[in-house]
């Protein structure tokens, strides 16, 4: 997504742009997968924070709604806690407050509007001052207005501890902390500023593009091509230099600038002429299961989260002990509940994402069998899912993330977003004459962030006199 957005921005400025894609379709992790008679968004499944999407199209003289038809998912998702209680989460403030009151009581429900309001204020102040900008040194973070905002919102405080101080019910602690899992980060390692993820969900909502998340990258690629960009699929790059790239075929292409959207640690270790192995901290991995399922599972919505009996022990196993979790938390999606074309009549496209340790754990085939069994057992215990209704299944394991999509250590979310790998501490989008965009560089992981990253690369190129 980051590379495609950058290409669109540059070709709109009148530059000749060539996009080199190793795989047979655009999008990287935002790709389509077919299993049996079901079709899946194999990577991101949640469209949130619409501003960067709208701004990309607006900046190239277009309107998002002319290229993507999107609809609000309401409820956002259904959460099943470890004690089998459920909560439907929604961006409707009044309804969400009533749902919390039924789950946790009136005292916690009364705190909810103020909690979201404060996070909304944090979002509106933090984005322009800390996210939508390039950094050249630590001093760039030390602007008086930025420091004032950081202290005002206790941005460097711990997210999990702040949530625990706000609400009494432990299920709400889990509910308003789990969003950092999108970043592959434990909330106990997350600065409070990542509370903006909670606001994105509950303040602005979760959206679904008609035809699936893959339509986002396809629409950007189509528009870039229409404006004159060349996109070459099945084209593997083996070496990158400041003014040239070399392909697996031996062909060498020269350019005024090279923008690398391969994940940055992989690029450093495999693509640079002077290979580098920089010690950094990585996100967790995931085991993804894509299932053509015959029948319905009425207990599940389009988006669902199933938590274990001890959510925080699960975090400890994944992030600290580097283990396969005993009682995994997992995200489950059935987009055919919204988009019937995604599965055959009478079938469902059941997508299960299970966070697990990255390849710092010695992942084996036995681990995949064990974790799959635990996921199926949890679904069978909480819903009418029955494994005998599985008609076809494909998996993506930590090893697959590493080998197929070049994610070092199989880290499905790229580099960790802990405090010392955020804002000015995150790897720069310009180094040794090469420009970078994507999850592991500035500003970070997720479709909205890499869209902002594309704009920041454009700013870099402009300041360097290349635009």
Foldseek 3Di string as FASTA:
>chain_A
DLVLLLLLLVLLVVDAAEAEAQAFDDDQLQDWDDWDQFIDRRHDFWDWDCVLLQVSQVSSPHGSVVQWDKDFDVQQFKEQEAVRDIARHHLPLVVNLVRCCVVPNNVLSVLVVVLLVLLVVLVVQCCVQFALAADDDPVSCVDPSNVVSCVVSVQQAQQLVVQVVRDPDVVSSCVQQVQCVLQLDGSRQAGNSVSNSVNRPNVVGIMATAVGSSSSSVSSNVSSVVSPYHYDYSWAWFADALFWTATPVRDIDGHNGAEDAQFVQLCQQTHYPNHDHDDAAFGFAKKKKKFWFAADWVVTDQKYKYAHNDNVVQVCCARPVQHFGPQWIKIWGFCCNVVVSRGDVRITTIMIITTHHFLVPVDDPVSVVNNVVNVQVSCVVNIVDDPVRTPTMDMQGLVNCCPVRVAPSSRSQHGHCGPCCAGNNQAGQDDNSHGYAAARGGHHGDDSSSSSVSVNSVVVCVVVVND
